Protein backbone atom coordinates (compact mmCIF):
# COMPACT_ATOMS: atom_id res chain seq x y z
CA MET A 1 -4.79 12.72 26.15
CA PRO A 2 -8.62 12.31 26.51
CA LEU A 3 -10.43 11.21 23.31
CA GLN A 4 -13.41 12.25 21.72
CA ALA A 5 -15.21 10.76 18.57
CA GLY A 6 -18.18 10.43 16.44
CA PHE A 7 -19.03 8.35 13.87
CA ALA A 8 -22.43 9.03 10.97
CA GLU A 9 -23.47 8.07 7.50
CA ILE A 10 -25.89 9.47 4.79
CA ASP A 11 -27.46 7.69 1.99
CA ILE A 12 -26.13 9.01 -1.38
CA THR A 13 -27.68 6.58 -3.59
CA PRO A 14 -27.46 8.29 -6.84
CA PRO A 15 -30.87 7.74 -9.39
CA VAL A 16 -31.32 5.58 -11.87
CA GLY A 17 -30.03 6.26 -15.72
CA SER A 18 -27.42 7.63 -13.93
CA HIS A 19 -23.97 6.70 -15.87
CA LYS A 20 -21.80 4.64 -13.56
CA ILE A 21 -17.75 4.52 -14.10
CA GLY A 22 -15.24 2.18 -13.41
CA TRP A 23 -15.92 0.47 -16.65
CA LEU A 24 -13.91 2.41 -19.38
CA LYS A 25 -17.12 2.70 -21.58
CA VAL A 26 -20.61 4.03 -20.89
CA VAL A 27 -22.38 1.80 -18.45
CA LEU A 28 -26.26 3.47 -17.50
CA SER A 29 -27.60 2.16 -13.94
CA ASP A 30 -31.30 0.34 -14.52
CA HIS A 31 -31.80 -0.64 -10.73
CA VAL A 32 -30.11 0.24 -7.14
CA ALA A 33 -28.98 -3.52 -5.70
CA ASP A 34 -27.80 -1.91 -2.44
CA PRO A 35 -27.57 1.67 -1.28
CA LEU A 36 -24.31 3.89 -1.51
CA PHE A 37 -23.25 5.83 1.41
CA ALA A 38 -20.92 8.68 2.51
CA ARG A 39 -19.69 8.21 5.64
CA ALA A 40 -17.71 10.11 8.42
CA ALA A 41 -15.76 9.72 10.92
CA VAL A 42 -14.18 12.29 13.75
CA PHE A 43 -11.29 12.16 16.54
CA GLU A 44 -10.53 14.83 18.70
CA SER A 45 -7.90 15.47 21.21
CA PRO A 46 -6.80 18.39 23.32
CA ALA A 47 -4.15 18.64 20.77
CA ALA A 48 -5.65 17.85 17.95
CA ARG A 49 -8.57 17.09 15.22
CA ALA A 50 -8.68 15.31 12.38
CA GLY A 51 -11.46 13.21 10.63
CA PHE A 52 -12.37 10.92 7.46
CA ILE A 53 -14.97 10.83 4.96
CA GLN A 54 -15.44 7.37 3.18
CA LEU A 55 -17.62 7.76 -0.19
CA ASP A 56 -18.91 4.19 -1.76
CA THR A 57 -17.69 5.61 -5.21
CA LEU A 58 -14.41 4.92 -7.15
CA PHE A 59 -12.65 8.06 -6.26
CA VAL A 60 -13.35 11.57 -5.53
CA PRO A 61 -12.08 14.21 -7.76
CA THR A 62 -9.26 16.86 -6.51
CA ALA A 63 -11.82 19.70 -6.72
CA LEU A 64 -14.98 18.05 -4.79
CA VAL A 65 -12.48 17.47 -1.90
CA ALA A 66 -11.20 21.05 -1.93
CA GLU A 67 -15.09 21.90 -2.27
CA VAL A 68 -15.93 19.91 1.01
CA ARG A 69 -12.77 20.93 2.86
CA ALA A 70 -13.88 24.44 2.88
CA GLU A 71 -17.58 23.76 3.51
CA ILE A 72 -16.38 22.01 6.75
CA ALA A 73 -14.44 24.79 7.42
CA ARG A 74 -16.90 27.43 6.83
CA ARG A 75 -20.08 25.15 8.47
CA CYS A 76 -17.81 23.39 11.59
CA GLY A 77 -14.90 25.98 12.11
CA PHE A 78 -12.94 22.40 11.78
CA PRO A 79 -9.65 22.55 9.92
CA GLY A 80 -10.22 21.06 6.51
CA ASP A 81 -7.37 19.91 5.42
CA SER A 82 -7.36 17.49 8.86
CA VAL A 83 -10.09 15.92 6.79
CA MET A 84 -8.93 12.45 4.76
CA ILE A 85 -11.79 12.12 1.81
CA ALA A 86 -11.37 8.63 0.14
CA GLY A 87 -13.55 6.70 -1.85
CA THR A 88 -13.88 2.91 -1.91
CA HIS A 89 -13.11 2.57 -5.26
CA ASN A 90 -16.48 1.04 -5.80
CA HIS A 91 -16.88 0.06 -9.90
CA ALA A 92 -20.94 -0.06 -9.96
CA GLY A 93 -21.16 3.82 -7.99
CA PRO A 94 -22.31 7.03 -10.14
CA ALA A 95 -19.48 9.04 -12.35
CA LEU A 96 -18.20 11.61 -10.35
CA ASP A 97 -16.36 13.22 -13.18
CA THR A 98 -16.13 13.22 -16.81
CA VAL A 99 -14.09 10.30 -18.66
CA GLY A 100 -14.38 10.60 -22.30
CA ALA A 101 -18.23 9.52 -23.07
CA VAL A 102 -19.09 8.68 -19.35
CA ARG A 103 -20.58 11.50 -18.18
CA ARG A 104 -21.06 12.95 -14.64
CA ASP A 105 -24.62 14.21 -13.08
CA ASP A 106 -23.61 17.71 -12.10
CA ALA A 107 -26.91 17.68 -9.97
CA TYR A 108 -26.18 14.65 -8.10
CA VAL A 109 -22.71 15.88 -8.04
CA ARG A 110 -23.61 19.36 -6.50
CA ARG A 111 -25.78 17.64 -3.78
CA LEU A 112 -23.41 14.86 -2.69
CA ALA A 113 -21.06 17.65 -1.71
CA GLY A 114 -23.72 19.27 0.65
CA LYS A 115 -24.16 15.86 2.18
CA MET A 116 -20.46 14.81 2.99
CA ALA A 117 -20.19 18.49 4.50
CA SER A 118 -23.54 17.08 6.60
CA VAL A 119 -22.64 14.05 7.35
CA PHE A 120 -19.31 15.43 8.67
CA ALA A 121 -21.40 17.49 10.75
CA ALA A 122 -23.60 14.85 12.19
CA ALA A 123 -20.20 13.07 13.05
CA LEU A 124 -19.21 16.34 14.73
CA ASP A 125 -22.28 16.75 16.85
CA ALA A 126 -21.86 13.13 17.61
CA ALA A 127 -18.98 13.38 18.77
CA GLY A 128 -18.35 12.19 22.70
CA PRO A 129 -15.97 10.25 25.21
CA ALA A 130 -14.55 7.10 23.09
CA GLU A 131 -11.78 4.95 23.73
CA VAL A 132 -9.59 2.95 20.96
CA GLY A 133 -8.17 -0.01 20.00
CA PHE A 134 -6.62 -1.56 17.05
CA ALA A 135 -5.40 -4.89 15.99
CA ARG A 136 -5.19 -7.15 12.43
CA ARG A 137 -5.81 -10.19 11.24
CA PHE A 138 -5.16 -11.73 7.61
CA GLU A 139 -6.77 -13.10 4.89
CA PHE A 140 -5.18 -15.04 2.27
CA ASP A 141 -8.18 -16.28 0.00
CA VAL A 142 -9.81 -13.07 -1.08
CA PRO A 143 -7.35 -11.40 -2.40
CA PHE A 144 -4.90 -12.10 -5.39
CA ASN A 145 -2.19 -10.52 -7.61
CA ARG A 146 -4.22 -10.31 -10.86
CA ARG A 147 -0.70 -9.60 -12.80
CA VAL A 148 0.43 -12.68 -14.68
CA VAL A 149 4.39 -13.04 -16.35
CA MET A 150 4.19 -14.55 -19.66
CA ARG A 151 6.92 -16.54 -20.70
CA ASP A 152 7.92 -13.77 -23.18
CA GLY A 153 8.67 -11.67 -20.37
CA THR A 154 5.16 -9.55 -20.56
CA THR A 155 2.56 -9.28 -17.94
CA ARG A 156 -0.75 -9.94 -18.75
CA THR A 157 -3.51 -8.18 -15.73
CA HIS A 158 -6.24 -10.90 -15.11
CA GLY A 159 -3.72 -13.44 -16.76
CA ARG A 160 -5.25 -17.10 -16.76
CA PHE A 161 -2.80 -20.07 -15.99
CA SER A 162 -5.17 -22.09 -18.43
CA ASP A 163 -3.07 -20.13 -20.76
CA THR A 164 0.15 -22.90 -22.13
CA GLU A 165 2.10 -19.58 -22.22
CA ALA A 166 1.72 -17.86 -18.27
CA LEU A 167 4.54 -18.59 -16.13
CA HIS A 168 4.03 -17.11 -12.46
CA VAL A 169 1.94 -14.68 -10.88
CA GLU A 170 4.36 -10.88 -11.02
CA GLY A 171 3.77 -10.05 -7.08
CA PRO A 172 3.00 -10.72 -3.30
CA ILE A 173 -0.77 -9.66 -1.98
CA ASP A 174 -0.67 -7.73 1.27
CA PRO A 175 -3.46 -9.90 3.46
CA GLU A 176 -3.38 -7.40 6.34
CA VAL A 177 -7.07 -6.32 7.48
CA ALA A 178 -6.52 -3.54 9.74
CA VAL A 179 -9.11 -2.43 12.25
CA LEU A 180 -9.10 0.60 14.13
CA ALA A 181 -12.40 0.26 16.78
CA VAL A 182 -14.27 2.96 18.87
CA ARG A 183 -16.50 2.61 21.71
CA ALA A 184 -18.08 5.11 24.19
CA ARG A 185 -15.70 5.74 27.26
CA GLY A 186 -15.86 3.08 30.00
CA GLY A 187 -16.34 0.41 27.66
CA GLY A 188 -19.57 1.74 26.17
CA GLU A 189 -21.33 0.83 23.14
CA PRO A 190 -19.89 0.67 19.85
CA LEU A 191 -19.61 4.20 17.86
CA GLY A 192 -18.01 2.98 14.79
CA VAL A 193 -15.01 1.43 12.76
CA LEU A 194 -12.53 1.77 10.33
CA VAL A 195 -11.14 -1.19 7.91
CA ASN A 196 -7.74 -1.35 5.66
CA PHE A 197 -7.45 -3.78 3.06
CA ALA A 198 -6.48 -4.30 -0.19
CA CYS A 199 -8.55 -5.64 -2.68
CA HIS A 200 -9.90 -3.80 -5.51
CA PRO A 201 -13.99 -3.77 -5.57
CA THR A 202 -15.53 -4.42 -8.54
CA HIS A 203 -18.99 -6.35 -8.46
CA HIS A 204 -21.37 -5.18 -10.40
CA GLY A 205 -19.01 -3.07 -12.43
CA PRO A 206 -20.13 -4.36 -15.96
CA ASP A 207 -23.85 -4.35 -15.46
CA GLY A 208 -26.79 -1.97 -14.73
CA ALA A 209 -26.44 -2.49 -10.55
CA LEU A 210 -26.14 0.07 -8.33
CA SER A 211 -23.94 -1.12 -5.48
CA ALA A 212 -21.71 -0.18 -2.88
CA GLY A 213 -19.58 -3.95 -3.82
CA PHE A 214 -18.10 -5.56 -0.51
CA PRO A 215 -17.62 -2.75 1.41
CA GLY A 216 -20.99 -2.19 1.43
CA VAL A 217 -21.56 -5.87 2.62
CA LEU A 218 -19.16 -5.51 5.68
CA ALA A 219 -20.64 -2.39 6.69
CA ALA A 220 -24.01 -3.94 7.08
CA GLU A 221 -23.07 -6.97 8.47
CA MET A 222 -21.24 -4.65 10.83
CA LYS A 223 -24.03 -2.61 11.83
CA GLY A 224 -25.49 -6.17 12.34
CA ARG A 225 -23.61 -7.01 14.44
CA GLY A 226 -23.59 -3.84 17.14
CA TYR A 227 -21.26 -1.28 15.18
CA PRO A 228 -23.30 1.48 13.56
CA VAL A 229 -20.61 2.72 10.50
CA THR A 230 -17.93 1.01 9.19
CA LEU A 231 -15.52 2.95 6.97
CA PHE A 232 -13.60 1.28 4.41
CA LEU A 233 -10.53 2.08 3.68
CA LEU A 234 -8.97 0.38 0.52
CA GLY A 235 -5.13 -0.17 0.84
CA ALA A 236 -2.61 -0.54 -2.25
CA ALA A 237 -4.66 -2.42 -4.31
CA GLY A 238 -3.70 -1.39 -7.80
CA ASN A 239 -2.70 -4.58 -8.97
CA ILE A 240 -5.10 -7.03 -6.25
CA HIS A 241 -8.16 -8.84 -6.94
CA PHE A 242 -10.69 -11.23 -5.57
CA SER A 243 -10.20 -13.25 -9.23
CA ASP A 244 -7.91 -16.26 -8.31
CA PRO A 245 -5.92 -16.81 -11.57
CA ALA A 246 -4.99 -19.71 -10.63
CA ARG A 247 -8.42 -21.30 -11.22
CA GLY A 248 -9.55 -19.64 -14.36
CA GLY A 249 -10.31 -16.20 -13.00
CA ALA A 250 -12.62 -17.54 -10.26
CA GLU A 251 -14.42 -14.94 -8.59
CA MET A 252 -15.62 -15.02 -4.54
CA PRO A 253 -19.57 -13.16 -4.67
CA MET A 254 -19.39 -9.70 -2.81
CA ASP A 255 -21.48 -11.16 0.07
CA GLN A 256 -18.96 -13.93 0.81
CA VAL A 257 -15.81 -11.53 0.86
CA GLY A 258 -18.25 -9.14 2.95
CA GLY A 259 -18.99 -11.31 5.35
CA ILE A 260 -15.35 -12.74 5.41
CA LEU A 261 -13.99 -9.35 5.92
CA ALA A 262 -16.58 -8.89 8.95
CA ASP A 263 -15.29 -12.07 10.50
CA HIS A 264 -11.95 -10.77 10.72
CA VAL A 265 -13.25 -7.28 11.92
CA GLU A 266 -15.28 -8.71 14.74
CA ALA A 267 -12.56 -11.15 15.54
CA ALA A 268 -9.69 -8.11 16.04
CA ILE A 269 -12.35 -6.31 17.88
CA ALA A 270 -12.68 -9.29 20.17
CA GLU A 271 -8.88 -9.37 21.04
CA MET A 272 -8.44 -5.41 21.41
CA ALA A 273 -7.17 -3.75 24.46
CA PHE A 274 -9.17 -0.52 24.47
CA ALA A 275 -6.94 3.02 25.54
CA GLU A 276 -8.83 6.51 26.71
CA THR A 277 -6.54 8.62 25.33
CA ALA A 278 -4.99 8.72 21.76
CA GLU A 279 -2.84 10.74 20.48
CA VAL A 280 -4.58 12.33 16.67
CA GLY A 281 -2.88 14.30 14.62
CA CYS A 282 -2.30 15.20 10.49
CA ARG A 283 0.32 15.98 8.53
CA ALA A 284 0.33 16.38 4.29
CA LYS A 285 2.74 17.84 1.78
CA THR A 286 1.92 18.03 -2.26
CA ILE A 287 4.38 17.18 -4.49
CA GLN A 288 4.64 17.74 -8.36
CA LEU A 289 5.09 13.91 -10.15
CA PRO A 290 6.07 13.39 -13.65
CA PHE A 291 3.90 12.31 -16.52
CA ARG A 292 5.80 9.60 -18.78
CA GLU A 293 7.07 10.24 -22.23
CA ILE A 294 4.35 10.56 -24.44
CA THR A 295 5.59 8.76 -27.53
CA ASP A 296 3.64 7.71 -30.61
CA ALA A 297 3.74 3.83 -29.02
CA GLU A 298 2.10 5.34 -26.23
CA ILE A 299 -0.38 7.06 -28.11
CA ASN A 300 -1.18 3.90 -30.28
CA GLY A 301 -1.10 1.70 -27.24
CA THR A 302 1.83 -0.68 -29.45
CA VAL A 303 4.46 -0.31 -26.49
CA ARG A 304 5.79 -3.69 -25.36
CA GLY A 305 3.20 -5.33 -23.43
CA ALA A 306 0.21 -2.66 -23.66
CA GLN A 307 -2.65 -4.12 -23.20
CA ARG A 308 -6.00 -2.44 -23.85
CA PHE A 309 -9.39 -4.10 -22.17
CA VAL A 310 -13.13 -3.62 -22.82
CA ASP A 311 -12.95 -1.94 -26.20
CA PRO A 312 -9.66 -0.68 -27.63
CA THR A 313 -10.86 1.88 -29.64
CA ILE A 314 -12.34 3.89 -26.59
CA TYR A 315 -8.64 4.82 -25.80
CA ASP A 316 -8.42 6.28 -29.75
CA ASP A 317 -11.24 8.44 -28.39
CA VAL A 318 -10.22 9.96 -24.81
CA ILE A 319 -6.34 9.89 -25.43
CA PRO A 320 -6.17 13.34 -27.72
CA ALA A 321 -7.85 15.04 -24.55
CA GLU A 322 -5.46 13.19 -21.76
CA VAL A 323 -1.76 14.39 -24.17
CA GLU A 324 -3.37 17.80 -24.44
CA ARG A 325 -3.99 17.54 -20.43
CA ILE A 326 -0.09 16.12 -20.23
CA ARG A 327 1.47 19.34 -21.91
CA ARG A 328 -0.89 21.99 -20.41
CA LEU A 329 0.27 20.97 -16.90
CA GLY A 330 3.66 19.66 -17.59
CA THR A 331 3.45 18.02 -13.76
CA GLU A 332 0.55 16.27 -11.48
CA ALA A 333 -0.10 17.94 -8.24
CA SER A 334 -0.90 15.08 -5.60
CA GLU A 335 -1.67 15.38 -2.17
CA VAL A 336 -0.07 13.00 0.34
CA GLN A 337 -1.67 13.18 3.82
CA VAL A 338 -1.31 10.95 6.95
CA VAL A 339 -4.13 11.23 9.75
CA PHE A 340 -3.05 9.70 13.28
CA VAL A 341 -5.11 7.76 15.63
CA GLY A 342 -3.65 6.13 18.31
CA PRO A 343 -1.53 3.59 17.24
CA ALA A 344 -2.30 3.78 13.14
CA ALA A 345 -0.69 6.20 11.16
CA PHE A 346 -3.05 6.32 7.85
CA ALA A 347 -1.05 7.21 4.32
CA ALA A 348 -3.47 8.72 1.68
CA VAL A 349 -2.49 8.82 -1.68
CA GLY A 350 -5.02 9.58 -4.81
CA ALA A 351 -3.64 6.69 -6.70
CA GLU A 352 -4.33 3.42 -7.58
CA LEU A 353 -1.10 2.06 -5.88
CA PHE A 354 0.57 -1.02 -6.35
CA VAL A 355 0.83 -3.55 -4.01
CA GLU A 356 4.68 -3.39 -3.57
CA LEU A 357 4.49 0.00 -3.37
CA GLY A 358 2.49 -0.05 -0.51
CA LEU A 359 3.92 -3.13 1.51
CA ARG A 360 7.04 -0.96 1.09
CA ILE A 361 5.37 2.13 3.13
CA LYS A 362 4.48 -0.55 5.65
CA GLU A 363 7.83 -1.70 5.97
CA ARG A 364 10.05 1.37 6.05
CA CYS A 365 7.38 3.42 8.59
CA TRP A 366 8.36 0.77 11.27
CA PRO A 367 7.88 0.77 13.93
CA ARG A 368 5.06 3.23 13.29
CA GLN A 369 1.84 1.25 12.16
CA ALA A 370 1.49 2.49 9.05
CA LEU A 371 -1.52 1.69 6.62
CA VAL A 372 -1.65 2.88 3.29
CA VAL A 373 -5.21 4.47 1.88
CA SER A 374 -5.50 4.78 -1.54
CA CYS A 375 -7.96 6.68 -4.19
CA ALA A 376 -8.13 9.55 -1.44
CA ASN A 377 -7.96 13.28 -1.73
CA GLY A 378 -7.77 13.17 -5.44
CA ARG A 379 -7.72 11.17 -8.79
CA LEU A 380 -4.22 10.10 -9.81
CA GLY A 381 -5.02 6.77 -11.63
CA TYR A 382 -2.58 3.74 -11.47
CA VAL A 383 0.82 3.96 -9.98
CA PRO A 384 2.39 0.94 -10.62
CA THR A 385 6.75 0.12 -9.47
CA LYS A 386 9.32 0.86 -12.00
CA GLU A 387 9.65 -2.67 -13.12
CA ALA A 388 6.10 -3.35 -13.89
CA PHE A 389 6.40 -0.63 -16.98
CA ALA A 390 9.27 -3.35 -18.29
CA ARG A 391 6.33 -6.11 -18.64
CA GLY A 392 3.31 -3.90 -19.37
CA GLY A 393 0.11 -4.96 -18.55
CA TYR A 394 -3.42 -3.23 -18.39
CA GLU A 395 -2.61 -0.85 -15.36
CA THR A 396 0.57 0.56 -17.07
CA THR A 397 -0.81 1.14 -20.97
CA PHE A 398 -0.85 4.75 -21.60
CA GLY A 399 -5.07 6.67 -21.03
CA PRO A 400 -6.82 8.54 -18.94
CA ALA A 401 -6.48 5.96 -16.07
CA SER A 402 -2.65 5.62 -16.66
CA CYS A 403 -0.25 8.33 -17.18
CA LEU A 404 2.21 8.96 -15.03
CA ALA A 405 6.05 8.36 -15.45
CA PRO A 406 7.41 5.39 -13.86
CA GLU A 407 9.16 7.52 -11.41
CA ALA A 408 6.12 8.34 -9.54
CA GLY A 409 5.26 5.53 -7.14
CA ASP A 410 8.83 6.19 -5.50
CA MET A 411 8.08 9.28 -4.80
CA LEU A 412 4.51 8.62 -3.16
CA VAL A 413 6.39 6.25 -1.22
CA GLU A 414 9.02 8.70 -0.10
CA ALA A 415 6.76 11.22 0.63
CA ALA A 416 4.43 8.89 2.58
CA VAL A 417 7.49 7.82 4.67
CA GLU A 418 8.22 11.26 5.67
CA LEU A 419 5.10 12.27 6.46
CA VAL A 420 4.73 8.92 8.80
CA ALA A 421 7.98 9.03 10.63
CA PRO A 422 8.30 11.58 13.24
CA GLY A 423 4.73 10.83 14.23
CA PRO A 424 1.95 13.37 15.05
């Protein structure tokens, strides 16, 4: 099947003074460290069409996803439900939703919706004969499992081995750097690249800088190396971070992380075999995820192993509204979507999925090359493994970022595997 592909990007940097999101408390931006972008990629074969929009934001609200997909269908005649819309989980970007005292700028979000549709239309207009290559590299010096098990059997998120009660790291990492590169047909000019990697982008979260974090550095580095548009699609990074608990939480600067990833991407591209034909497709389903049982201990943060970050009183302020929402909805509707491009199957969930769950999807989908995209097509918050709930830690502590039942992770895995297995 001859392939057509196109890429585009547009600046979405919010105005200085905007509320940032990702640090629980109110953080007002006071300068721009580097610009934020929305990036789009479109793939078309004679049989199907599919696309991606990547935002340098913490997440993408479900309502915004629906609005942009509808506008793409109206403006471009493109099937909106075949577009994956993902945030990089950038902690130094604008609030796209109101969470407690952190307020979204409605005017900015309206402009953003228009820009998202426009950048997708630009990618579609730019689409031309293309060829695609896929390769993987592995990175072990950047990602770390941030959950440290203590001697009492509880887990501390961002625990340190300087603590005499620390025992071991709770789980694995996912070192895979997966790269889908696209160039003009016949060995022509590079068009764009999609990169999938699991690691929290939290640089500049607590300060006043607006920044795209290390995914922005990666995109800028790749532009300098000849690939004009790079989409960073976050893997299953719910418990994965660039701070090393074995070295006192030492953190690698974002420029270094982005540079390391760019080196991997460039090396992967150098070894690729490119093909002029590729399967393209999309499949999705919506499932109903259960909320956890709301007990007084959950509400008060006294469950075994509970860990409230930044300011515990923030939880007290926001939990009543969260409890009301849970009781009103009963379950949380969540889309699971898979976009197929060539050998890669990008499985998108709205969650900050734990790495163990992402690895399970990859393993169970073999021989297909499944890749997990977190923080896509909506916002579920943290989805840990069942086992993690017995130990506690920040990610399992009840609040707006963690409210689903322990079995939610298994349900998302099953849905993703079911969608990937038949192929496009």
